Structure formats: C-alpha cells, structure tokens
Amino acid sequence: MHREENLRVRLVLVSPEGKINFGFILRLAKNFNVNEICVVNPQFDINDSEVLEFAARAKDSINKVRVAESLTECISDVLISVCTTAKLNLEGDVLRQGIRIEELPHVIPRQGLIALVFGRESTGLTRDELRQCDIISTIDTGSEYNVLNLSHAVALYLYEVNKIREAPHRREVYYCGQHVLQAIRRYLDIIREATGDERGVIALKHVLFRSNMSIPECTAIYKLLKKITHKINQRAK
C-alpha cells in the first residue's frame, strides 16, 4: 500500500456521439488541468475539424486522448471509478443506489488516480457498464427533467472534484493502495460467482468504495474477503 501525492483525474467518455460536445470537453480538460482522457468507441473522428473548432485554444488537449475498445481498458488501473447517471436511487434497483454530485468530495480520496465515467448523450451508460464502476453518482437538478448536456455534466463534476484539490490538507491521510482495491474487487467477483447473489455483492461494493477506507480498514476487509474466497475455493474442490 502506498500514498499518492496528488489527486489526478481521468475523464472517460463511453461512445460519445457529438463532435461539438467533445470539443467543449477538450476545453474543460484544459480548464481543470485534466491530463488523461479515455474515449470508448467514439462515434466520430476525434480529430474532426468541428471538434478542433469548438475546442478553440484547447485543441492541443486532443493529444491527451486515448481511444479504447471497452470501458474496462479505461478504468482497469485507476484507484476509484465513478459512473454518472441521470437515474439514481430507483426503488428496488440496487445497481443505481449512489450519491449526489455534491457528496463526491466527501467520498473520494485526496490522492491517486480516479476515473469520472460519462455515457452516451442519447442513452447514457448501460447496466453492464454501471456494474463495472465503484461508485454511482448523479446531478439532481430538482426538476422532472434530470438529464444534462454531456459537456455541462462534465463541467460540474470537474468543478466538484477540483474542490478536493484546492482544499487545505489538515492532516496526512493514507488510503488504500490500488493493488489492494483491485484484490477486493476480484474477491467480490469470486463471491458473486459462488453465491449467485449479484445484488448483495453490488451493494457491498458500492458501500465499501463510498466509505473512503483507510489503510487499516481496507487491509482488514481485504484479509476477510481473502479468507472467504479461500473457503469457497476449498469447498469447490
């Protein structure tokens, strides 16, 4: 386990459809010092002249873009991944239980690499894509129409995350290392497969990753889950 000195953000856009929106997002990346952008199966040429036109003076941000074939490629090496959705806390839907955007600074670490994941302008993220993230979040507009333009949503999330960067650190804080969190995800997958209880595992995963575990906490949970999976593997023999 180790301590990262700074909070870093990777923007992840899943199958973006609008060139103008993408150009605006490149500008936002420069506004908020985001140096990593991962785009899954874009529905246009990311170097299109219209993209660069709307990126304006931030057109050099295109050099920070990596195109991927799957969401897994974009989030496999991050400390925490946050999936955004317009539909949250639906009754009976454990997958869409999460937090509002204003709560985000309280639940993500101050150090390390996090991913902010945004879906398609037309349909958002699929349920399978939501399952891959550690935390689910939404922007509550207070109206019946809770769907924001993609670039507007990206701006609001980057603003909230930037609060963490700018906040004075009153004490040294040490969080779980990436390899420990990856192991916790792996053990949860084994438990899900062994028990068939997808809802329970999803709920546990979201609760754990929203809690911003300290090193002693995540170490204890890591060891517990390791023991459980070991018992599962023994019984399977």
C-alpha atoms as a PDB file:
ATOM      1  CA  MET A   1       0.000   0.000   0.000  1.00  0.00           C
ATOM      2  CA  HIS A   2       1.239   3.450  -0.803  1.00  0.00           C
ATOM      3  CA  ARG A   3       0.321   7.074  -0.766  1.00  0.00           C
ATOM      4  CA  GLU A   4      -0.143   9.147  -3.905  1.00  0.00           C
ATOM      5  CA  GLU A   5       0.885  12.775  -3.587  1.00  0.00           C
ATOM      6  CA  ASN A   6      -1.802  14.329  -5.768  1.00  0.00           C
ATOM      7  CA  LEU A   7      -5.341  13.689  -6.897  1.00  0.00           C
ATOM      8  CA  ARG A   8      -5.436  13.018 -10.634  1.00  0.00           C
ATOM      9  CA  VAL A   9      -8.488  12.714 -12.845  1.00  0.00           C
ATOM     10  CA  ARG A  10      -9.077  10.642 -15.946  1.00  0.00           C
ATOM     11  CA  LEU A  11     -12.131  11.593 -17.992  1.00  0.00           C
ATOM     12  CA  VAL A  12     -13.788   8.541 -19.537  1.00  0.00           C
ATOM     13  CA  LEU A  13     -16.344   9.058 -22.299  1.00  0.00           C
ATOM     14  CA  VAL A  14     -18.261   5.994 -23.460  1.00  0.00           C
ATOM     15  CA  SER A  15     -19.337   6.122 -27.119  1.00  0.00           C
ATOM     16  CA  PRO A  16     -19.693   9.929 -27.310  1.00  0.00           C
ATOM     17  CA  GLU A  17     -21.907  10.999 -30.206  1.00  0.00           C
ATOM     18  CA  GLY A  18     -21.453  14.750 -30.528  1.00  0.00           C
ATOM     19  CA  LYS A  19     -18.432  16.478 -32.043  1.00  0.00           C
ATOM     20  CA  ILE A  20     -19.333  19.850 -30.521  1.00  0.00           C
ATOM     21  CA  ASN A  21     -19.708  18.375 -27.046  1.00  0.00           C
ATOM     22  CA  PHE A  22     -16.379  16.635 -27.404  1.00  0.00           C
ATOM     23  CA  GLY A  23     -14.710  19.872 -28.428  1.00  0.00           C
ATOM     24  CA  PHE A  24     -16.135  21.605 -25.345  1.00  0.00           C
ATOM     25  CA  ILE A  25     -14.911  18.735 -23.146  1.00  0.00           C
ATOM     26  CA  LEU A  26     -11.389  19.195 -24.502  1.00  0.00           C
ATOM     27  CA  ARG A  27     -11.634  22.811 -23.348  1.00  0.00           C
ATOM     28  CA  LEU A  28     -12.824  21.694 -19.930  1.00  0.00           C
ATOM     29  CA  ALA A  29      -9.895  19.297 -19.661  1.00  0.00           C
ATOM     30  CA  LYS A  30      -7.552  22.237 -20.115  1.00  0.00           C
ATOM     31  CA  ASN A  31      -9.576  24.452 -17.756  1.00  0.00           C
ATOM     32  CA  PHE A  32      -9.284  21.907 -14.933  1.00  0.00           C
ATOM     33  CA  ASN A  33      -5.814  20.504 -15.663  1.00  0.00           C
ATOM     34  CA  VAL A  34      -7.029  17.072 -16.693  1.00  0.00           C
ATOM     35  CA  ASN A  35      -4.226  15.271 -18.489  1.00  0.00           C
ATOM     36  CA  GLU A  36      -5.936  11.961 -19.248  1.00  0.00           C
ATOM     37  CA  ILE A  37      -8.965  11.406 -21.472  1.00  0.00           C
ATOM     38  CA  CYS A  38     -10.031   7.900 -22.451  1.00  0.00           C
ATOM     39  CA  VAL A  39     -12.706   7.566 -25.124  1.00  0.00           C
ATOM     40  CA  VAL A  40     -14.504   4.268 -25.719  1.00  0.00           C
ATOM     41  CA  ASN A  41     -15.643   3.709 -29.305  1.00  0.00           C
ATOM     42  CA  PRO A  42     -16.298   7.348 -30.297  1.00  0.00           C
ATOM     43  CA  GLN A  43     -18.999   7.750 -32.939  1.00  0.00           C
ATOM     44  CA  PHE A  44     -16.916  10.232 -34.950  1.00  0.00           C
ATOM     45  CA  ASP A  45     -13.329  11.035 -35.845  1.00  0.00           C
ATOM     46  CA  ILE A  46     -11.882  12.667 -32.734  1.00  0.00           C
ATOM     47  CA  ASN A  47      -9.609  14.765 -34.970  1.00  0.00           C
ATOM     48  CA  ASP A  48     -12.529  16.120 -36.973  1.00  0.00           C
ATOM     49  CA  SER A  49     -12.249  19.829 -37.826  1.00  0.00           C
ATOM     50  CA  GLU A  50     -15.514  20.561 -35.974  1.00  0.00           C
ATOM     51  CA  VAL A  51     -14.100  19.031 -32.785  1.00  0.00           C
ATOM     52  CA  LEU A  52     -10.978  21.165 -33.013  1.00  0.00           C
ATOM     53  CA  GLU A  53     -13.003  24.279 -33.824  1.00  0.00           C
ATOM     54  CA  PHE A  54     -15.051  24.026 -30.653  1.00  0.00           C
ATOM     55  CA  ALA A  55     -12.016  23.057 -28.590  1.00  0.00           C
ATOM     56  CA  ALA A  56     -10.669  26.511 -29.523  1.00  0.00           C
ATOM     57  CA  ARG A  57      -7.390  27.224 -27.722  1.00  0.00           C
ATOM     58  CA  ALA A  58      -7.540  23.823 -26.043  1.00  0.00           C
ATOM     59  CA  LYS A  59      -7.238  21.881 -29.299  1.00  0.00           C
ATOM     60  CA  ASP A  60      -3.866  20.561 -28.095  1.00  0.00           C
ATOM     61  CA  SER A  61      -5.839  18.569 -25.491  1.00  0.00           C
ATOM     62  CA  ILE A  62      -6.525  16.116 -28.311  1.00  0.00           C
ATOM     63  CA  ASN A  63      -3.002  14.816 -27.673  1.00  0.00           C
ATOM     64  CA  LYS A  64      -4.160  13.609 -24.250  1.00  0.00           C
ATOM     65  CA  VAL A  65      -6.907  11.425 -25.713  1.00  0.00           C
ATOM     66  CA  ARG A  66      -6.631   7.648 -25.799  1.00  0.00           C
ATOM     67  CA  VAL A  67      -9.195   5.689 -27.794  1.00  0.00           C
ATOM     68  CA  ALA A  68     -10.211   2.324 -26.298  1.00  0.00           C
ATOM     69  CA  GLU A  69     -12.486  -0.514 -27.296  1.00  0.00           C
ATOM     70  CA  SER A  70     -14.016  -1.091 -23.863  1.00  0.00           C
ATOM     71  CA  LEU A  71     -14.711   0.645 -20.574  1.00  0.00           C
ATOM     72  CA  THR A  72     -12.542  -1.950 -18.826  1.00  0.00           C
ATOM     73  CA  GLU A  73      -9.485  -0.627 -20.692  1.00  0.00           C
ATOM     74  CA  CYS A  74     -10.122   2.865 -19.354  1.00  0.00           C
ATOM     75  CA  ILE A  75     -10.651   2.038 -15.682  1.00  0.00           C
ATOM     76  CA  SER A  76      -8.560  -1.076 -15.006  1.00  0.00           C
ATOM     77  CA  ASP A  77      -5.658   0.894 -13.496  1.00  0.00           C
ATOM     78  CA  VAL A  78      -7.496   3.592 -11.514  1.00  0.00           C
ATOM     79  CA  LEU A  79      -7.906   3.808  -7.760  1.00  0.00           C
ATOM     80  CA  ILE A  80     -11.629   4.621  -7.872  1.00  0.00           C
ATOM     81  CA  SER A  81     -14.085   4.819 -10.769  1.00  0.00           C
ATOM     82  CA  VAL A  82     -17.231   6.949 -10.639  1.00  0.00           C
ATOM     83  CA  CYS A  83     -20.035   6.249 -13.107  1.00  0.00           C
ATOM     84  CA  THR A  84     -22.521   9.049 -13.747  1.00  0.00           C
ATOM     85  CA  THR A  85     -26.213   8.550 -14.441  1.00  0.00           C
ATOM     86  CA  ALA A  86     -29.399  10.611 -14.648  1.00  0.00           C
ATOM     87  CA  LYS A  87     -31.318   7.849 -12.864  1.00  0.00           C
ATOM     88  CA  LEU A  88     -30.376   7.254  -9.241  1.00  0.00           C
ATOM     89  CA  ASN A  89     -31.824   5.639  -6.131  1.00  0.00           C
ATOM     90  CA  LEU A  90     -34.632   3.949  -8.019  1.00  0.00           C
ATOM     91  CA  GLU A  91     -36.722   1.849  -5.666  1.00  0.00           C
ATOM     92  CA  GLY A  92     -35.671  -1.786  -5.802  1.00  0.00           C
ATOM     93  CA  ASP A  93     -32.721  -1.146  -8.137  1.00  0.00           C
ATOM     94  CA  VAL A  94     -29.557  -1.796  -6.126  1.00  0.00           C
ATOM     95  CA  LEU A  95     -27.345  -1.017  -9.119  1.00  0.00           C
ATOM     96  CA  ARG A  96     -28.499   2.609  -9.186  1.00  0.00           C
ATOM     97  CA  GLN A  97     -28.028   3.367  -5.493  1.00  0.00           C
ATOM     98  CA  GLY A  98     -25.439   6.084  -5.152  1.00  0.00           C
ATOM     99  CA  ILE A  99     -24.589   9.652  -4.253  1.00  0.00           C
ATOM    100  CA  ARG A 100     -25.329  13.132  -5.497  1.00  0.00           C
ATOM    101  CA  ILE A 101     -22.564  15.140  -7.087  1.00  0.00           C
ATOM    102  CA  GLU A 102     -22.171  17.432  -4.075  1.00  0.00           C
ATOM    103  CA  GLU A 103     -21.275  14.426  -1.915  1.00  0.00           C
ATOM    104  CA  LEU A 104     -18.420  13.382  -4.161  1.00  0.00           C
ATOM    105  CA  PRO A 105     -15.682  15.407  -2.404  1.00  0.00           C
ATOM    106  CA  HIS A 106     -16.518  13.539   0.802  1.00  0.00           C
ATOM    107  CA  VAL A 107     -16.157  10.016  -0.574  1.00  0.00           C
ATOM    108  CA  ILE A 108     -13.213  10.002  -2.985  1.00  0.00           C
ATOM    109  CA  PRO A 109      -9.579  10.065  -1.827  1.00  0.00           C
ATOM    110  CA  ARG A 110      -7.381  13.129  -1.954  1.00  0.00           C
ATOM    111  CA  GLN A 111      -4.587  11.199  -3.617  1.00  0.00           C
ATOM    112  CA  GLY A 112      -4.363   8.836  -6.554  1.00  0.00           C
ATOM    113  CA  LEU A 113      -5.967   8.448  -9.958  1.00  0.00           C
ATOM    114  CA  ILE A 114      -9.750   8.445 -10.219  1.00  0.00           C
ATOM    115  CA  ALA A 115     -11.933   7.992 -13.294  1.00  0.00           C
ATOM    116  CA  LEU A 116     -15.062  10.021 -13.984  1.00  0.00           C
ATOM    117  CA  VAL A 117     -17.150   7.974 -16.411  1.00  0.00           C
ATOM    118  CA  PHE A 118     -19.795   9.531 -18.665  1.00  0.00           C
ATOM    119  CA  GLY A 119     -22.158   7.735 -21.025  1.00  0.00           C
ATOM    120  CA  ARG A 120     -23.712   8.419 -24.398  1.00  0.00           C
ATOM    121  CA  GLU A 121     -25.608  11.651 -24.971  1.00  0.00           C
ATOM    122  CA  SER A 122     -28.654   9.658 -26.099  1.00  0.00           C
ATOM    123  CA  THR A 123     -28.860   6.724 -23.691  1.00  0.00           C
ATOM    124  CA  GLY A 124     -26.172   7.134 -21.039  1.00  0.00           C
ATOM    125  CA  LEU A 125     -24.347   4.113 -19.620  1.00  0.00           C
ATOM    126  CA  THR A 126     -25.694   0.590 -19.910  1.00  0.00           C
ATOM    127  CA  ARG A 127     -26.346  -1.511 -16.815  1.00  0.00           C
ATOM    128  CA  ASP A 128     -23.315  -3.642 -17.625  1.00  0.00           C
ATOM    129  CA  GLU A 129     -21.147  -0.512 -17.743  1.00  0.00           C
ATOM    130  CA  LEU A 130     -22.573   0.728 -14.448  1.00  0.00           C
ATOM    131  CA  ARG A 131     -21.676  -2.616 -12.833  1.00  0.00           C
ATOM    132  CA  GLN A 132     -18.013  -2.014 -13.636  1.00  0.00           C
ATOM    133  CA  CYS A 133     -17.764   1.185 -11.588  1.00  0.00           C
ATOM    134  CA  ASP A 134     -17.064   1.512  -7.881  1.00  0.00           C
ATOM    135  CA  ILE A 135     -19.367   4.470  -7.201  1.00  0.00           C
ATOM    136  CA  ILE A 136     -22.554   5.650  -8.924  1.00  0.00           C
ATOM    137  CA  SER A 137     -23.359   9.362  -8.927  1.00  0.00           C
ATOM    138  CA  THR A 138     -25.894  11.814 -10.324  1.00  0.00           C
ATOM    139  CA  ILE A 139     -26.675  15.507 -10.609  1.00  0.00           C
ATOM    140  CA  ASP A 140     -30.050  16.270  -9.065  1.00  0.00           C
ATOM    141  CA  THR A 141     -31.489  19.230 -10.949  1.00  0.00           C
ATOM    142  CA  GLY A 142     -34.576  19.396  -8.758  1.00  0.00           C
ATOM    143  CA  SER A 143     -36.852  19.006 -11.755  1.00  0.00           C
ATOM    144  CA  GLU A 144     -38.574  16.163 -13.570  1.00  0.00           C
ATOM    145  CA  TYR A 145     -36.102  16.572 -16.443  1.00  0.00           C
ATOM    146  CA  ASN A 146     -32.881  15.421 -14.809  1.00  0.00           C
ATOM    147  CA  VAL A 147     -30.788  14.946 -17.976  1.00  0.00           C
ATOM    148  CA  LEU A 148     -27.990  17.463 -18.609  1.00  0.00           C
ATOM    149  CA  ASN A 149     -26.000  18.094 -21.747  1.00  0.00           C
ATOM    150  CA  LEU A 150     -22.850  15.950 -21.613  1.00  0.00           C
ATOM    151  CA  SER A 151     -20.343  18.799 -21.578  1.00  0.00           C
ATOM    152  CA  HIS A 152     -22.336  20.593 -18.876  1.00  0.00           C
ATOM    153  CA  ALA A 153     -22.308  17.480 -16.703  1.00  0.00           C
ATOM    154  CA  VAL A 154     -18.554  17.071 -17.202  1.00  0.00           C
ATOM    155  CA  ALA A 155     -18.011  20.700 -16.163  1.00  0.00           C
ATOM    156  CA  LEU A 156     -19.988  20.267 -12.943  1.00  0.00           C
ATOM    157  CA  TYR A 157     -18.161  17.081 -11.950  1.00  0.00           C
ATOM    158  CA  LEU A 158     -14.752  18.565 -12.631  1.00  0.00           C
ATOM    159  CA  TYR A 159     -15.684  21.591 -10.548  1.00  0.00           C
ATOM    160  CA  GLU A 160     -16.657  19.392  -7.590  1.00  0.00           C
ATOM    161  CA  VAL A 161     -13.505  17.286  -7.845  1.00  0.00           C
ATOM    162  CA  ASN A 162     -11.402  20.420  -8.069  1.00  0.00           C
ATOM    163  CA  LYS A 163     -12.653  21.378  -4.619  1.00  0.00           C
ATOM    164  CA  ILE A 164     -10.652  18.466  -3.239  1.00  0.00           C
ATOM    165  CA  ARG A 165      -7.512  19.622  -4.993  1.00  0.00           C
ATOM    166  CA  GLU A 166      -7.914  23.137  -3.643  1.00  0.00           C
ATOM    167  CA  ALA A 167      -8.938  22.214  -0.081  1.00  0.00           C
ATOM    168  CA  PRO A 168      -6.202  22.612   2.533  1.00  0.00           C
ATOM    169  CA  HIS A 169      -4.990  19.285   3.903  1.00  0.00           C
ATOM    170  CA  ARG A 170      -5.366  19.494   7.651  1.00  0.00           C
ATOM    171  CA  ARG A 171      -3.563  16.192   8.189  1.00  0.00           C
ATOM    172  CA  GLU A 172      -1.740  13.495   6.290  1.00  0.00           C
ATOM    173  CA  VAL A 173      -4.209  10.924   5.015  1.00  0.00           C
ATOM    174  CA  TYR A 174      -3.223   7.486   3.798  1.00  0.00           C
ATOM    175  CA  TYR A 175      -5.664   5.495   1.722  1.00  0.00           C
ATOM    176  CA  CYS A 176      -5.830   2.012   0.262  1.00  0.00           C
ATOM    177  CA  GLY A 177      -3.350   1.258  -2.475  1.00  0.00           C
ATOM    178  CA  GLN A 178      -4.506   0.362  -5.956  1.00  0.00           C
ATOM    179  CA  HIS A 179      -3.392  -3.278  -5.785  1.00  0.00           C
ATOM    180  CA  VAL A 180      -5.377  -3.829  -2.567  1.00  0.00           C
ATOM    181  CA  LEU A 181      -8.526  -2.320  -4.067  1.00  0.00           C
ATOM    182  CA  GLN A 182      -8.064  -4.441  -7.181  1.00  0.00           C
ATOM    183  CA  ALA A 183      -7.824  -7.536  -4.973  1.00  0.00           C
ATOM    184  CA  ILE A 184     -11.011  -6.534  -3.130  1.00  0.00           C
ATOM    185  CA  ARG A 185     -12.825  -6.199  -6.478  1.00  0.00           C
ATOM    186  CA  ARG A 186     -11.502  -9.604  -7.543  1.00  0.00           C
ATOM    187  CA  TYR A 187     -12.600 -11.303  -4.308  1.00  0.00           C
ATOM    188  CA  LEU A 188     -16.050  -9.737  -4.586  1.00  0.00           C
ATOM    189  CA  ASP A 189     -16.358 -11.154  -8.100  1.00  0.00           C
ATOM    190  CA  ILE A 190     -15.471 -14.624  -6.800  1.00  0.00           C
ATOM    191  CA  ILE A 191     -18.068 -14.326  -4.037  1.00  0.00           C
ATOM    192  CA  ARG A 192     -20.683 -13.168  -6.549  1.00  0.00           C
ATOM    193  CA  GLU A 193     -19.997 -16.106  -8.828  1.00  0.00           C
ATOM    194  CA  ALA A 194     -20.025 -18.597  -5.942  1.00  0.00           C
ATOM    195  CA  THR A 195     -23.198 -17.328  -4.295  1.00  0.00           C
ATOM    196  CA  GLY A 196     -25.108 -16.025  -7.307  1.00  0.00           C
ATOM    197  CA  ASP A 197     -26.034 -13.004  -5.178  1.00  0.00           C
ATOM    198  CA  GLU A 198     -25.306 -10.176  -7.593  1.00  0.00           C
ATOM    199  CA  ARG A 199     -27.478  -7.645  -5.761  1.00  0.00           C
ATOM    200  CA  GLY A 200     -25.749  -8.274  -2.454  1.00  0.00           C
ATOM    201  CA  VAL A 201     -22.254  -8.029  -3.913  1.00  0.00           C
ATOM    202  CA  ILE A 202     -23.075  -4.843  -5.845  1.00  0.00           C
ATOM    203  CA  ALA A 203     -24.482  -3.264  -2.680  1.00  0.00           C
ATOM    204  CA  LEU A 204     -21.410  -4.261  -0.654  1.00  0.00           C
ATOM    205  CA  LYS A 205     -19.046  -2.962  -3.330  1.00  0.00           C
ATOM    206  CA  HIS A 206     -20.766   0.428  -3.513  1.00  0.00           C
ATOM    207  CA  VAL A 207     -20.836   0.802   0.281  1.00  0.00           C
ATOM    208  CA  LEU A 208     -17.144  -0.106   0.608  1.00  0.00           C
ATOM    209  CA  PHE A 209     -15.924   2.247  -2.107  1.00  0.00           C
ATOM    210  CA  ARG A 210     -18.106   5.139  -0.950  1.00  0.00           C
ATOM    211  CA  SER A 211     -16.613   4.840   2.535  1.00  0.00           C
ATOM    212  CA  ASN A 212     -13.142   6.083   1.521  1.00  0.00           C
ATOM    213  CA  MET A 213     -11.477   3.335   3.536  1.00  0.00           C
ATOM    214  CA  SER A 214      -8.307   3.996   5.493  1.00  0.00           C
ATOM    215  CA  ILE A 215      -5.392   1.579   5.245  1.00  0.00           C
ATOM    216  CA  PRO A 216      -6.277  -0.355   8.448  1.00  0.00           C
ATOM    217  CA  GLU A 217      -9.894  -0.712   7.276  1.00  0.00           C
ATOM    218  CA  CYS A 218      -9.155  -1.864   3.746  1.00  0.00           C
ATOM    219  CA  THR A 219      -6.435  -4.214   4.996  1.00  0.00           C
ATOM    220  CA  ALA A 220      -8.876  -5.866   7.388  1.00  0.00           C
ATOM    221  CA  ILE A 221     -11.550  -6.144   4.678  1.00  0.00           C
ATOM    222  CA  TYR A 222      -9.007  -7.462   2.182  1.00  0.00           C
ATOM    223  CA  LYS A 223      -7.954 -10.207   4.608  1.00  0.00           C
ATOM    224  CA  LEU A 224     -11.556 -11.106   5.420  1.00  0.00           C
ATOM    225  CA  LEU A 225     -12.564 -11.396   1.769  1.00  0.00           C
ATOM    226  CA  LYS A 226      -9.417 -13.400   1.055  1.00  0.00           C
ATOM    227  CA  LYS A 227     -10.357 -15.887   3.795  1.00  0.00           C
ATOM    228  CA  ILE A 228     -13.915 -16.140   2.467  1.00  0.00           C
ATOM    229  CA  THR A 229     -12.753 -16.813  -1.094  1.00  0.00           C
ATOM    230  CA  HIS A 230     -10.249 -19.364   0.190  1.00  0.00           C
ATOM    231  CA  LYS A 231     -13.071 -21.219   1.938  1.00  0.00           C
ATOM    232  CA  ILE A 232     -15.127 -21.034  -1.250  1.00  0.00           C
ATOM    233  CA  ASN A 233     -12.274 -22.483  -3.315  1.00  0.00           C
ATOM    234  CA  GLN A 234     -11.712 -25.272  -0.790  1.00  0.00           C
ATOM    235  CA  ARG A 235     -15.354 -26.335  -0.909  1.00  0.00           C
ATOM    236  CA  ALA A 236     -15.302 -26.264  -4.699  1.00  0.00           C
ATOM    237  CA  LYS A 237     -12.544 -28.886  -4.827  1.00  0.00           C
END
